[in-house]
Amino acid sequence: MNAKSALEQRPKHEQLGLSDLKAVEMYKYMLLARKYDERMLLLQRAGKINFHVSGIGQEVAQVASAFALDREQDYFLPYYRDYGFVLSVGMTLKELFLCAFAKAEDPNSGGRQMPGHFGSKKLRIVTGSSPVTTQVPHAVGVALAAKMQKKDIVSFVTFGEGSSNQGDFHEGSNFAGVHKLPVIIMCENNQYAISVPIHKQLAGKVSDRALGYGFPGIRVDGNDALEVYRAVKEARERAVRGEGPTLIEAMMYRLSPHSTSDNDLAYRTKEEVEEYRKKDGIPKFKQYLIDCGLWSEEQEEAYVKEVSDQLKEAIDYADRAPFPKPEDTLLHVYADEREE
C-alpha cells in the first residue's frame, strides 16, 4: 500500500490535518453557538433583552473556518450572525451576554451597540458597524498592512450574500485583487437578504464574481464542516504564500427569522424551513464523529448539561452587572483627557 492510498483510508478530518481532539472541539463550539442562540431568542421573547439577530443554521461554516485560521495571529472581521466564529476565536459566553444586556463591561462597545457588533482588540476582532459590508474594505486594509509589514498573517471577513451587491464588496475585492493581498473573503450565503430571496438578488454565483477581480472564487457546502475547513485552510495557505485573496461562497440556510423583529413567514413557508432543517450541518457532523468513534449520545447529553450550566452562569452574571454611567455616553467618541 503506497503512502497516498494509506492517507485516503484515514478519516477525512485526519486527511485534512485535523486531530481527533480538534474535530470534537469543533463540534462542541457548533453546539455551544446553537444553544447560545436559542437562549438569546428565549431571553428576547421573555423581555429580558431587546433584540437578537440569529445565526441558527450558519454555525457549521463559522466554526470550521475559525479552526482553519491561525487563531493566535490572524485578524477577523465577522458579521453580525457569527456567534460560532467569535466563540471559536476566544470570546466567552459572559462577554456575549454582557453585550446582549447592554452592560458597562461589554467588551464590544461598553453596552452602547446592539448585539452582534463584535470587537475585541486582544482577539484581533476588528469592530463591526451597523451598515452592512463596511467590514470588507476594512479587512482589505488590514491585509495591506500585513503585506507591507511582511507578516505571515491573513485577514478573514464574512458577510451575507446580500452584501455582495454592495459597493464595499466590489471596491474591496478589486483593491485586494490588484495588490494580491492576504485576505479571505467569505460569503455566508443563507438564501435571504432579510426578506429578499436569492433568485431576486443574484442572477449568478457570488463566487463567480472573483473572476472579475483576478483571484479564485469557490463555492462550498456550508453545512459540510470539513469542506469549509479545507477551503479556508487552502485559502490561507495561498494568502501567506503571497498568491493573494480567495473568495469563498459557503451555501447554507438561515433557519431562524432575520431578527427578533422579523416575521419570516411573511415571505417564506414553514414547509420550506423544515425542508432545509433536514440539511442542518450540526447533526451531520455529530453523526460523522459518532461513526468515527469520537462521540456518543452519552457524551452529547453530558455536554448539553454542561453548556446549560455555563449559559445560566453567564446570564446571571450579565443580568446583575451594572449598566454604563450616563456621563460615559461620549467616552471614546471625542478626544478626551481621560483617554490620555
C-alpha atoms as a PDB file:
ATOM      1  CA  MET A   1       0.000   0.000   0.000  1.00  0.00           C
ATOM      2  CA  ASN A   2       1.503   3.336  -1.022  1.00  0.00           C
ATOM      3  CA  ALA A   3       1.506   6.408   1.214  1.00  0.00           C
ATOM      4  CA  LYS A   4      -1.253   8.123  -0.743  1.00  0.00           C
ATOM      5  CA  SER A   5      -3.717   5.249  -0.521  1.00  0.00           C
ATOM      6  CA  ALA A   6      -2.924   4.858   3.192  1.00  0.00           C
ATOM      7  CA  LEU A   7      -3.799   8.522   3.725  1.00  0.00           C
ATOM      8  CA  GLU A   8      -7.013   8.181   1.737  1.00  0.00           C
ATOM      9  CA  GLN A   9      -8.181   5.362   4.023  1.00  0.00           C
ATOM     10  CA  ARG A  10      -7.905   7.554   7.102  1.00  0.00           C
ATOM     11  CA  PRO A  11     -10.956   9.562   8.284  1.00  0.00           C
ATOM     12  CA  LYS A  12     -11.490  12.759   6.334  1.00  0.00           C
ATOM     13  CA  HIS A  13     -10.624  15.058   9.235  1.00  0.00           C
ATOM     14  CA  GLU A  14      -7.231  13.347   9.590  1.00  0.00           C
ATOM     15  CA  GLN A  15      -6.616  13.698   5.858  1.00  0.00           C
ATOM     16  CA  LEU A  16      -7.138  17.442   6.289  1.00  0.00           C
ATOM     17  CA  GLY A  17      -4.707  17.643   9.210  1.00  0.00           C
ATOM     18  CA  LEU A  18      -7.339  17.839  11.972  1.00  0.00           C
ATOM     19  CA  SER A  19      -6.701  15.752  15.062  1.00  0.00           C
ATOM     20  CA  ASP A  20      -9.480  13.790  16.730  1.00  0.00           C
ATOM     21  CA  LEU A  21      -9.376  16.286  19.588  1.00  0.00           C
ATOM     22  CA  LYS A  22      -9.774  19.282  17.267  1.00  0.00           C
ATOM     23  CA  ALA A  23     -12.627  17.644  15.354  1.00  0.00           C
ATOM     24  CA  VAL A  24     -14.540  17.080  18.599  1.00  0.00           C
ATOM     25  CA  GLU A  25     -13.708  20.613  19.783  1.00  0.00           C
ATOM     26  CA  MET A  26     -15.180  21.984  16.544  1.00  0.00           C
ATOM     27  CA  TYR A  27     -18.435  20.150  17.176  1.00  0.00           C
ATOM     28  CA  LYS A  28     -18.590  21.436  20.746  1.00  0.00           C
ATOM     29  CA  TYR A  29     -18.301  25.027  19.544  1.00  0.00           C
ATOM     30  CA  MET A  30     -21.055  24.460  16.970  1.00  0.00           C
ATOM     31  CA  LEU A  31     -23.360  23.123  19.662  1.00  0.00           C
ATOM     32  CA  LEU A  32     -22.368  25.887  22.074  1.00  0.00           C
ATOM     33  CA  ALA A  33     -23.209  28.542  19.481  1.00  0.00           C
ATOM     34  CA  ARG A  34     -26.560  26.892  18.713  1.00  0.00           C
ATOM     35  CA  LYS A  35     -27.546  26.695  22.389  1.00  0.00           C
ATOM     36  CA  TYR A  36     -26.441  30.303  22.964  1.00  0.00           C
ATOM     37  CA  ASP A  37     -28.528  31.450  20.006  1.00  0.00           C
ATOM     38  CA  GLU A  38     -31.609  29.550  21.138  1.00  0.00           C
ATOM     39  CA  ARG A  39     -31.270  31.005  24.641  1.00  0.00           C
ATOM     40  CA  MET A  40     -30.978  34.525  23.230  1.00  0.00           C
ATOM     41  CA  LEU A  41     -34.254  34.071  21.375  1.00  0.00           C
ATOM     42  CA  LEU A  42     -35.934  32.971  24.617  1.00  0.00           C
ATOM     43  CA  LEU A  43     -34.482  35.920  26.538  1.00  0.00           C
ATOM     44  CA  GLN A  44     -35.800  38.365  23.943  1.00  0.00           C
ATOM     45  CA  ARG A  45     -39.245  36.832  23.950  1.00  0.00           C
ATOM     46  CA  ALA A  46     -39.242  36.993  27.768  1.00  0.00           C
ATOM     47  CA  GLY A  47     -38.435  40.708  27.655  1.00  0.00           C
ATOM     48  CA  LYS A  48     -35.021  40.297  29.291  1.00  0.00           C
ATOM     49  CA  ILE A  49     -33.145  41.697  26.265  1.00  0.00           C
ATOM     50  CA  ASN A  50     -34.316  43.982  23.494  1.00  0.00           C
ATOM     51  CA  PHE A  51     -33.046  42.469  20.268  1.00  0.00           C
ATOM     52  CA  HIS A  52     -31.301  39.489  18.715  1.00  0.00           C
ATOM     53  CA  VAL A  53     -30.056  38.671  15.217  1.00  0.00           C
ATOM     54  CA  SER A  54     -29.899  34.899  14.974  1.00  0.00           C
ATOM     55  CA  GLY A  55     -27.295  32.744  13.222  1.00  0.00           C
ATOM     56  CA  ILE A  56     -29.076  29.413  13.566  1.00  0.00           C
ATOM     57  CA  GLY A  57     -28.170  27.269  10.574  1.00  0.00           C
ATOM     58  CA  GLN A  58     -24.851  29.013   9.936  1.00  0.00           C
ATOM     59  CA  GLU A  59     -22.724  27.764  12.844  1.00  0.00           C
ATOM     60  CA  VAL A  60     -21.012  24.913  10.991  1.00  0.00           C
ATOM     61  CA  ALA A  61     -19.280  27.126   8.428  1.00  0.00           C
ATOM     62  CA  GLN A  62     -18.407  29.713  11.058  1.00  0.00           C
ATOM     63  CA  VAL A  63     -16.691  27.282  13.413  1.00  0.00           C
ATOM     64  CA  ALA A  64     -14.962  25.315  10.649  1.00  0.00           C
ATOM     65  CA  SER A  65     -13.480  28.474   9.153  1.00  0.00           C
ATOM     66  CA  ALA A  66     -12.211  29.647  12.558  1.00  0.00           C
ATOM     67  CA  PHE A  67     -10.368  26.357  13.073  1.00  0.00           C
ATOM     68  CA  ALA A  68      -8.727  26.660   9.635  1.00  0.00           C
ATOM     69  CA  LEU A  69      -7.214  30.034  10.530  1.00  0.00           C
ATOM     70  CA  ASP A  70      -4.390  30.982  12.889  1.00  0.00           C
ATOM     71  CA  ARG A  71      -6.445  31.878  15.939  1.00  0.00           C
ATOM     72  CA  GLU A  72      -3.394  33.376  17.645  1.00  0.00           C
ATOM     73  CA  GLN A  73      -2.301  35.806  14.919  1.00  0.00           C
ATOM     74  CA  ASP A  74      -4.827  36.364  12.123  1.00  0.00           C
ATOM     75  CA  TYR A  75      -7.285  39.282  12.087  1.00  0.00           C
ATOM     76  CA  PHE A  76     -11.027  38.751  11.985  1.00  0.00           C
ATOM     77  CA  LEU A  77     -13.877  40.880  10.666  1.00  0.00           C
ATOM     78  CA  PRO A  78     -17.025  38.847  11.336  1.00  0.00           C
ATOM     79  CA  TYR A  79     -20.547  39.928  10.558  1.00  0.00           C
ATOM     80  CA  TYR A  80     -23.466  40.078  12.957  1.00  0.00           C
ATOM     81  CA  ARG A  81     -24.531  36.405  12.832  1.00  0.00           C
ATOM     82  CA  ASP A  82     -21.075  34.998  13.561  1.00  0.00           C
ATOM     83  CA  TYR A  83     -21.534  33.760  17.142  1.00  0.00           C
ATOM     84  CA  GLY A  84     -19.966  30.413  16.301  1.00  0.00           C
ATOM     85  CA  PHE A  85     -16.947  32.178  14.847  1.00  0.00           C
ATOM     86  CA  VAL A  86     -16.302  34.629  17.671  1.00  0.00           C
ATOM     87  CA  LEU A  87     -16.756  31.916  20.313  1.00  0.00           C
ATOM     88  CA  SER A  88     -14.237  29.768  18.432  1.00  0.00           C
ATOM     89  CA  VAL A  89     -11.598  32.509  18.392  1.00  0.00           C
ATOM     90  CA  GLY A  90     -11.902  33.262  22.080  1.00  0.00           C
ATOM     91  CA  MET A  91     -14.954  35.330  23.015  1.00  0.00           C
ATOM     92  CA  THR A  92     -16.806  33.988  26.045  1.00  0.00           C
ATOM     93  CA  LEU A  93     -20.476  33.463  26.761  1.00  0.00           C
ATOM     94  CA  LYS A  94     -20.209  36.007  29.554  1.00  0.00           C
ATOM     95  CA  GLU A  95     -18.900  38.632  27.101  1.00  0.00           C
ATOM     96  CA  LEU A  96     -21.664  37.913  24.591  1.00  0.00           C
ATOM     97  CA  PHE A  97     -24.379  38.199  27.224  1.00  0.00           C
ATOM     98  CA  LEU A  98     -22.869  41.412  28.624  1.00  0.00           C
ATOM     99  CA  CYS A  99     -23.342  42.819  25.132  1.00  0.00           C
ATOM    100  CA  ALA A 100     -26.890  41.480  24.868  1.00  0.00           C
ATOM    101  CA  PHE A 101     -27.826  43.034  28.223  1.00  0.00           C
ATOM    102  CA  ALA A 102     -26.089  46.324  27.224  1.00  0.00           C
ATOM    103  CA  LYS A 103     -23.873  46.398  30.297  1.00  0.00           C
ATOM    104  CA  ALA A 104     -20.830  48.548  31.023  1.00  0.00           C
ATOM    105  CA  GLU A 105     -18.458  45.545  30.982  1.00  0.00           C
ATOM    106  CA  ASP A 106     -19.452  44.640  27.408  1.00  0.00           C
ATOM    107  CA  PRO A 107     -16.073  44.349  25.626  1.00  0.00           C
ATOM    108  CA  ASN A 108     -17.562  45.157  22.225  1.00  0.00           C
ATOM    109  CA  SER A 109     -18.854  48.655  22.911  1.00  0.00           C
ATOM    110  CA  GLY A 110     -19.319  49.180  26.631  1.00  0.00           C
ATOM    111  CA  GLY A 111     -23.035  48.464  26.291  1.00  0.00           C
ATOM    112  CA  ARG A 112     -23.667  51.037  23.572  1.00  0.00           C
ATOM    113  CA  GLN A 113     -24.005  48.879  20.460  1.00  0.00           C
ATOM    114  CA  MET A 114     -26.638  46.297  19.608  1.00  0.00           C
ATOM    115  CA  PRO A 115     -25.773  42.577  19.943  1.00  0.00           C
ATOM    116  CA  GLY A 116     -23.753  41.011  17.153  1.00  0.00           C
ATOM    117  CA  HIS A 117     -21.470  44.004  16.604  1.00  0.00           C
ATOM    118  CA  PHE A 118     -18.281  42.333  17.730  1.00  0.00           C
ATOM    119  CA  GLY A 119     -14.976  43.923  18.643  1.00  0.00           C
ATOM    120  CA  SER A 120     -12.002  42.712  20.676  1.00  0.00           C
ATOM    121  CA  LYS A 121      -8.513  44.155  20.483  1.00  0.00           C
ATOM    122  CA  LYS A 122      -6.933  41.216  22.313  1.00  0.00           C
ATOM    123  CA  LEU A 123      -8.585  38.697  19.967  1.00  0.00           C
ATOM    124  CA  ARG A 124      -7.917  40.845  16.855  1.00  0.00           C
ATOM    125  CA  ILE A 125     -11.643  41.078  16.098  1.00  0.00           C
ATOM    126  CA  VAL A 126     -11.997  44.393  14.282  1.00  0.00           C
ATOM    127  CA  THR A 127     -15.032  46.347  15.472  1.00  0.00           C
ATOM    128  CA  GLY A 128     -18.091  45.927  13.271  1.00  0.00           C
ATOM    129  CA  SER A 129     -20.675  48.526  12.349  1.00  0.00           C
ATOM    130  CA  SER A 130     -24.388  48.520  11.527  1.00  0.00           C
ATOM    131  CA  PRO A 131     -24.175  49.425   7.812  1.00  0.00           C
ATOM    132  CA  VAL A 132     -23.666  46.102   6.058  1.00  0.00           C
ATOM    133  CA  THR A 133     -20.467  45.260   4.143  1.00  0.00           C
ATOM    134  CA  THR A 134     -18.325  48.071   5.544  1.00  0.00           C
ATOM    135  CA  GLN A 135     -16.100  45.365   7.046  1.00  0.00           C
ATOM    136  CA  VAL A 136     -14.875  44.204   3.615  1.00  0.00           C
ATOM    137  CA  PRO A 137     -12.689  47.233   2.750  1.00  0.00           C
ATOM    138  CA  HIS A 138     -11.532  47.259   6.382  1.00  0.00           C
ATOM    139  CA  ALA A 139     -10.370  43.645   6.030  1.00  0.00           C
ATOM    140  CA  VAL A 140      -8.567  44.558   2.836  1.00  0.00           C
ATOM    141  CA  GLY A 141      -6.848  47.405   4.669  1.00  0.00           C
ATOM    142  CA  VAL A 142      -5.681  45.042   7.395  1.00  0.00           C
ATOM    143  CA  ALA A 143      -4.332  42.698   4.711  1.00  0.00           C
ATOM    144  CA  LEU A 144      -2.485  45.586   3.057  1.00  0.00           C
ATOM    145  CA  ALA A 145      -0.832  46.417   6.389  1.00  0.00           C
ATOM    146  CA  ALA A 146       0.156  42.766   6.847  1.00  0.00           C
ATOM    147  CA  LYS A 147       1.752  42.697   3.393  1.00  0.00           C
ATOM    148  CA  MET A 148       3.583  45.981   3.938  1.00  0.00           C
ATOM    149  CA  GLN A 149       4.918  44.703   7.274  1.00  0.00           C
ATOM    150  CA  LYS A 150       5.815  41.331   5.694  1.00  0.00           C
ATOM    151  CA  LYS A 151       3.814  39.370   8.273  1.00  0.00           C
ATOM    152  CA  ASP A 152       2.626  35.838   7.503  1.00  0.00           C
ATOM    153  CA  ILE A 153      -0.923  36.520   8.633  1.00  0.00           C
ATOM    154  CA  VAL A 154      -4.257  36.926   6.893  1.00  0.00           C
ATOM    155  CA  SER A 155      -7.421  38.872   7.496  1.00  0.00           C
ATOM    156  CA  PHE A 156     -10.700  36.983   7.301  1.00  0.00           C
ATOM    157  CA  VAL A 157     -14.016  38.682   6.612  1.00  0.00           C
ATOM    158  CA  THR A 158     -17.584  37.381   6.390  1.00  0.00           C
ATOM    159  CA  PHE A 159     -20.912  38.769   5.175  1.00  0.00           C
ATOM    160  CA  GLY A 160     -24.259  37.635   3.760  1.00  0.00           C
ATOM    161  CA  GLU A 161     -24.961  37.248   0.057  1.00  0.00           C
ATOM    162  CA  GLY A 162     -26.972  40.488   0.049  1.00  0.00           C
ATOM    163  CA  SER A 163     -23.725  42.281   0.892  1.00  0.00           C
ATOM    164  CA  SER A 164     -22.122  41.007  -2.300  1.00  0.00           C
ATOM    165  CA  ASN A 165     -24.291  43.547  -4.146  1.00  0.00           C
ATOM    166  CA  GLN A 166     -22.862  46.465  -2.175  1.00  0.00           C
ATOM    167  CA  GLY A 167     -20.145  48.743  -3.479  1.00  0.00           C
ATOM    168  CA  ASP A 168     -17.936  47.995  -0.456  1.00  0.00           C
ATOM    169  CA  PHE A 169     -17.654  44.364  -1.555  1.00  0.00           C
ATOM    170  CA  HIS A 170     -16.659  45.258  -5.108  1.00  0.00           C
ATOM    171  CA  GLU A 171     -14.243  48.039  -4.206  1.00  0.00           C
ATOM    172  CA  GLY A 172     -12.593  45.921  -1.527  1.00  0.00           C
ATOM    173  CA  SER A 173     -12.330  42.908  -3.822  1.00  0.00           C
ATOM    174  CA  ASN A 174     -10.877  44.947  -6.669  1.00  0.00           C
ATOM    175  CA  PHE A 175      -8.220  46.534  -4.442  1.00  0.00           C
ATOM    176  CA  ALA A 176      -7.351  43.150  -2.893  1.00  0.00           C
ATOM    177  CA  GLY A 177      -7.011  41.556  -6.322  1.00  0.00           C
ATOM    178  CA  VAL A 178      -4.853  44.331  -7.774  1.00  0.00           C
ATOM    179  CA  HIS A 179      -2.421  44.206  -4.843  1.00  0.00           C
ATOM    180  CA  LYS A 180      -2.599  40.437  -4.211  1.00  0.00           C
ATOM    181  CA  LEU A 181      -3.449  40.945  -0.571  1.00  0.00           C
ATOM    182  CA  PRO A 182      -3.648  38.163   2.055  1.00  0.00           C
ATOM    183  CA  VAL A 183      -7.375  38.359   2.709  1.00  0.00           C
ATOM    184  CA  ILE A 184     -10.021  35.623   2.730  1.00  0.00           C
ATOM    185  CA  ILE A 185     -13.435  36.936   1.754  1.00  0.00           C
ATOM    186  CA  MET A 186     -16.205  34.537   2.782  1.00  0.00           C
ATOM    187  CA  CYS A 187     -19.850  34.961   1.869  1.00  0.00           C
ATOM    188  CA  GLU A 188     -22.264  33.107   4.136  1.00  0.00           C
ATOM    189  CA  ASN A 189     -24.989  32.627   1.538  1.00  0.00           C
ATOM    190  CA  ASN A 190     -28.054  31.933   3.694  1.00  0.00           C
ATOM    191  CA  GLN A 191     -30.543  32.413   0.818  1.00  0.00           C
ATOM    192  CA  TYR A 192     -32.205  35.601   2.094  1.00  0.00           C
ATOM    193  CA  ALA A 193     -31.238  39.265   2.336  1.00  0.00           C
ATOM    194  CA  ILE A 194     -33.738  39.927   5.130  1.00  0.00           C
ATOM    195  CA  SER A 195     -36.881  39.084   3.127  1.00  0.00           C
ATOM    196  CA  VAL A 196     -35.442  39.077  -0.406  1.00  0.00           C
ATOM    197  CA  PRO A 197     -34.832  35.526  -1.700  1.00  0.00           C
ATOM    198  CA  ILE A 198     -31.681  34.614  -3.562  1.00  0.00           C
ATOM    199  CA  HIS A 199     -33.332  34.466  -7.002  1.00  0.00           C
ATOM    200  CA  LYS A 200     -34.337  38.122  -6.685  1.00  0.00           C
ATOM    201  CA  GLN A 201     -30.855  39.205  -5.586  1.00  0.00           C
ATOM    202  CA  LEU A 202     -28.446  37.409  -7.878  1.00  0.00           C
ATOM    203  CA  ALA A 203     -28.510  36.137 -11.449  1.00  0.00           C
ATOM    204  CA  GLY A 204     -25.346  34.092 -10.908  1.00  0.00           C
ATOM    205  CA  LYS A 205     -22.995  32.814  -8.218  1.00  0.00           C
ATOM    206  CA  VAL A 206     -21.313  35.111  -5.704  1.00  0.00           C
ATOM    207  CA  SER A 207     -18.150  33.023  -6.101  1.00  0.00           C
ATOM    208  CA  ASP A 208     -18.004  33.765  -9.849  1.00  0.00           C
ATOM    209  CA  ARG A 209     -17.583  37.459  -9.096  1.00  0.00           C
ATOM    210  CA  ALA A 210     -13.994  36.807  -8.031  1.00  0.00           C
ATOM    211  CA  LEU A 211     -13.079  36.185 -11.675  1.00  0.00           C
ATOM    212  CA  GLY A 212     -13.503  39.863 -12.496  1.00  0.00           C
ATOM    213  CA  TYR A 213     -11.058  40.792  -9.755  1.00  0.00           C
ATOM    214  CA  GLY A 214      -8.330  38.319 -10.668  1.00  0.00           C
ATOM    215  CA  PHE A 215      -8.433  35.768  -7.879  1.00  0.00           C
ATOM    216  CA  PRO A 216     -10.098  32.388  -7.223  1.00  0.00           C
ATOM    217  CA  GLY A 217     -13.720  32.098  -6.178  1.00  0.00           C
ATOM    218  CA  ILE A 218     -15.075  28.799  -4.925  1.00  0.00           C
ATOM    219  CA  ARG A 219     -18.473  27.610  -3.753  1.00  0.00           C
ATOM    220  CA  VAL A 220     -18.704  25.069  -0.927  1.00  0.00           C
ATOM    221  CA  ASP A 221     -21.442  23.341   1.052  1.00  0.00           C
ATOM    222  CA  GLY A 222     -21.656  25.448   4.198  1.00  0.00           C
ATOM    223  CA  ASN A 223     -23.311  22.553   6.030  1.00  0.00           C
ATOM    224  CA  ASP A 224     -20.230  20.371   5.487  1.00  0.00           C
ATOM    225  CA  ALA A 225     -17.772  21.275   8.234  1.00  0.00           C
ATOM    226  CA  LEU A 226     -14.795  19.536   6.693  1.00  0.00           C
ATOM    227  CA  GLU A 227     -15.357  21.017   3.227  1.00  0.00           C
ATOM    228  CA  VAL A 228     -15.437  24.529   4.697  1.00  0.00           C
ATOM    229  CA  TYR A 229     -12.343  23.756   6.767  1.00  0.00           C
ATOM    230  CA  ARG A 230     -10.498  22.542   3.670  1.00  0.00           C
ATOM    231  CA  ALA A 231     -11.464  25.575   1.597  1.00  0.00           C
ATOM    232  CA  VAL A 232     -10.433  28.116   4.234  1.00  0.00           C
ATOM    233  CA  LYS A 233      -7.215  26.247   5.053  1.00  0.00           C
ATOM    234  CA  GLU A 234      -6.197  26.209   1.385  1.00  0.00           C
ATOM    235  CA  ALA A 235      -7.137  29.878   1.006  1.00  0.00           C
ATOM    236  CA  ARG A 236      -4.958  30.761   3.979  1.00  0.00           C
ATOM    237  CA  GLU A 237      -2.030  28.808   2.543  1.00  0.00           C
ATOM    238  CA  ARG A 238      -2.396  30.698  -0.752  1.00  0.00           C
ATOM    239  CA  ALA A 239      -2.514  34.030   1.064  1.00  0.00           C
ATOM    240  CA  VAL A 240       0.653  33.515   3.128  1.00  0.00           C
ATOM    241  CA  ARG A 241       2.486  32.307   0.011  1.00  0.00           C
ATOM    242  CA  GLY A 242       1.799  35.734  -1.472  1.00  0.00           C
ATOM    243  CA  GLU A 243      -0.749  34.492  -4.038  1.00  0.00           C
ATOM    244  CA  GLY A 244      -3.467  36.910  -2.963  1.00  0.00           C
ATOM    245  CA  PRO A 245      -7.129  36.721  -1.940  1.00  0.00           C
ATOM    246  CA  THR A 246      -9.730  33.985  -2.188  1.00  0.00           C
ATOM    247  CA  LEU A 247     -13.495  34.421  -2.297  1.00  0.00           C
ATOM    248  CA  ILE A 248     -15.410  31.560  -0.668  1.00  0.00           C
ATOM    249  CA  GLU A 249     -19.177  31.252  -1.052  1.00  0.00           C
ATOM    250  CA  ALA A 250     -20.491  28.931   1.667  1.00  0.00           C
ATOM    251  CA  MET A 251     -24.012  27.773   0.835  1.00  0.00           C
ATOM    252  CA  MET A 252     -26.359  27.426   3.825  1.00  0.00           C
ATOM    253  CA  TYR A 253     -29.820  28.403   5.022  1.00  0.00           C
ATOM    254  CA  ARG A 254     -30.974  30.777   7.744  1.00  0.00           C
ATOM    255  CA  LEU A 255     -33.307  28.591   9.813  1.00  0.00           C
ATOM    256  CA  SER A 256     -34.408  31.421  12.107  1.00  0.00           C
ATOM    257  CA  PRO A 257     -36.074  34.736  11.207  1.00  0.00           C
ATOM    258  CA  HIS A 258     -33.798  37.587  10.115  1.00  0.00           C
ATOM    259  CA  SER A 259     -34.058  39.046  13.609  1.00  0.00           C
ATOM    260  CA  THR A 260     -36.453  39.101  16.538  1.00  0.00           C
ATOM    261  CA  SER A 261     -38.237  41.977  14.775  1.00  0.00           C
ATOM    262  CA  ASP A 262     -38.932  39.850  11.707  1.00  0.00           C
ATOM    263  CA  ASN A 263     -41.930  37.703  10.766  1.00  0.00           C
ATOM    264  CA  ASP A 264     -40.246  35.342   8.319  1.00  0.00           C
ATOM    265  CA  LEU A 265     -43.496  33.585   7.438  1.00  0.00           C
ATOM    266  CA  ALA A 266     -44.499  36.736   5.577  1.00  0.00           C
ATOM    267  CA  TYR A 267     -42.018  35.783   2.825  1.00  0.00           C
ATOM    268  CA  ARG A 268     -41.386  32.030   3.183  1.00  0.00           C
ATOM    269  CA  THR A 269     -43.294  28.934   4.271  1.00  0.00           C
ATOM    270  CA  LYS A 270     -42.918  26.619   7.239  1.00  0.00           C
ATOM    271  CA  GLU A 271     -42.518  23.776   4.751  1.00  0.00           C
ATOM    272  CA  GLU A 272     -39.503  25.449   3.149  1.00  0.00           C
ATOM    273  CA  VAL A 273     -37.820  25.974   6.512  1.00  0.00           C
ATOM    274  CA  GLU A 274     -38.482  22.390   7.600  1.00  0.00           C
ATOM    275  CA  GLU A 275     -37.072  21.061   4.328  1.00  0.00           C
ATOM    276  CA  TYR A 276     -33.833  22.942   4.895  1.00  0.00           C
ATOM    277  CA  ARG A 277     -33.754  21.903   8.556  1.00  0.00           C
ATOM    278  CA  LYS A 278     -33.146  18.365   7.306  1.00  0.00           C
ATOM    279  CA  LYS A 279     -29.862  19.632   5.825  1.00  0.00           C
ATOM    280  CA  ASP A 280     -28.651  21.206   9.084  1.00  0.00           C
ATOM    281  CA  GLY A 281     -24.911  20.594   9.316  1.00  0.00           C
ATOM    282  CA  ILE A 282     -24.687  20.184  13.100  1.00  0.00           C
ATOM    283  CA  PRO A 283     -26.492  16.788  13.251  1.00  0.00           C
ATOM    284  CA  LYS A 284     -24.491  15.710  10.189  1.00  0.00           C
ATOM    285  CA  PHE A 285     -21.166  16.478  11.837  1.00  0.00           C
ATOM    286  CA  LYS A 286     -22.322  14.823  15.058  1.00  0.00           C
ATOM    287  CA  GLN A 287     -23.108  11.639  13.127  1.00  0.00           C
ATOM    288  CA  TYR A 288     -19.719  11.790  11.416  1.00  0.00           C
ATOM    289  CA  LEU A 289     -17.981  11.926  14.809  1.00  0.00           C
ATOM    290  CA  ILE A 290     -20.115   9.055  16.123  1.00  0.00           C
ATOM    291  CA  ASP A 291     -19.234   6.994  13.031  1.00  0.00           C
ATOM    292  CA  CYS A 292     -15.549   7.713  13.706  1.00  0.00           C
ATOM    293  CA  GLY A 293     -15.953   6.556  17.317  1.00  0.00           C
ATOM    294  CA  LEU A 294     -15.167  10.031  18.661  1.00  0.00           C
ATOM    295  CA  TRP A 295     -18.578  10.956  20.105  1.00  0.00           C
ATOM    296  CA  SER A 296     -21.586   9.273  21.669  1.00  0.00           C
ATOM    297  CA  GLU A 297     -25.095  10.090  22.819  1.00  0.00           C
ATOM    298  CA  GLU A 298     -23.864   9.850  26.411  1.00  0.00           C
ATOM    299  CA  GLN A 299     -21.192  12.470  25.725  1.00  0.00           C
ATOM    300  CA  GLU A 300     -23.803  14.596  23.987  1.00  0.00           C
ATOM    301  CA  GLU A 301     -26.119  14.504  26.986  1.00  0.00           C
ATOM    302  CA  ALA A 302     -23.305  15.394  29.388  1.00  0.00           C
ATOM    303  CA  TYR A 303     -22.076  18.256  27.208  1.00  0.00           C
ATOM    304  CA  VAL A 304     -25.555  19.735  26.736  1.00  0.00           C
ATOM    305  CA  LYS A 305     -25.908  19.756  30.530  1.00  0.00           C
ATOM    306  CA  GLU A 306     -22.506  21.448  30.841  1.00  0.00           C
ATOM    307  CA  VAL A 307     -23.480  24.105  28.304  1.00  0.00           C
ATOM    308  CA  SER A 308     -26.790  24.701  30.070  1.00  0.00           C
ATOM    309  CA  ASP A 309     -24.904  25.371  33.303  1.00  0.00           C
ATOM    310  CA  GLN A 310     -22.485  27.715  31.510  1.00  0.00           C
ATOM    311  CA  LEU A 311     -25.374  29.631  29.966  1.00  0.00           C
ATOM    312  CA  LYS A 312     -27.121  30.051  33.313  1.00  0.00           C
ATOM    313  CA  GLU A 313     -23.952  31.289  34.991  1.00  0.00           C
ATOM    314  CA  ALA A 314     -23.181  33.770  32.181  1.00  0.00           C
ATOM    315  CA  ILE A 315     -26.756  35.083  32.041  1.00  0.00           C
ATOM    316  CA  ASP A 316     -26.937  35.545  35.808  1.00  0.00           C
ATOM    317  CA  TYR A 317     -23.660  37.473  35.765  1.00  0.00           C
ATOM    318  CA  ALA A 318     -24.673  39.705  32.858  1.00  0.00           C
ATOM    319  CA  ASP A 319     -28.119  40.360  34.274  1.00  0.00           C
ATOM    320  CA  ARG A 320     -26.644  41.589  37.581  1.00  0.00           C
ATOM    321  CA  ALA A 321     -23.796  43.599  36.029  1.00  0.00           C
ATOM    322  CA  PRO A 322     -24.097  47.427  36.120  1.00  0.00           C
ATOM    323  CA  PHE A 323     -25.268  49.496  33.175  1.00  0.00           C
ATOM    324  CA  PRO A 324     -22.963  52.173  31.712  1.00  0.00           C
ATOM    325  CA  LYS A 325     -22.937  55.525  33.512  1.00  0.00           C
ATOM    326  CA  PRO A 326     -24.880  58.296  31.751  1.00  0.00           C
ATOM    327  CA  GLU A 327     -21.802  60.537  31.811  1.00  0.00           C
ATOM    328  CA  ASP A 328     -19.850  57.944  29.804  1.00  0.00           C
ATOM    329  CA  THR A 329     -22.093  58.345  26.755  1.00  0.00           C
ATOM    330  CA  LEU A 330     -19.431  60.294  24.841  1.00  0.00           C
ATOM    331  CA  LEU A 331     -16.432  58.341  26.142  1.00  0.00           C
ATOM    332  CA  HIS A 332     -14.243  57.162  23.236  1.00  0.00           C
ATOM    333  CA  VAL A 333     -16.331  59.241  20.806  1.00  0.00           C
ATOM    334  CA  TYR A 334     -14.443  62.536  21.026  1.00  0.00           C
ATOM    335  CA  ALA A 335     -10.890  63.206  22.213  1.00  0.00           C
ATOM    336  CA  ASP A 336     -10.915  63.268  25.981  1.00  0.00           C
ATOM    337  CA  GLU A 337      -8.261  63.878  28.627  1.00  0.00           C
ATOM    338  CA  ARG A 338      -9.402  60.648  30.339  1.00  0.00           C
ATOM    339  CA  GLU A 339      -8.086  58.740  27.332  1.00  0.00           C
ATOM    340  CA  GLU A 340      -4.545  60.150  27.562  1.00  0.00           C
END
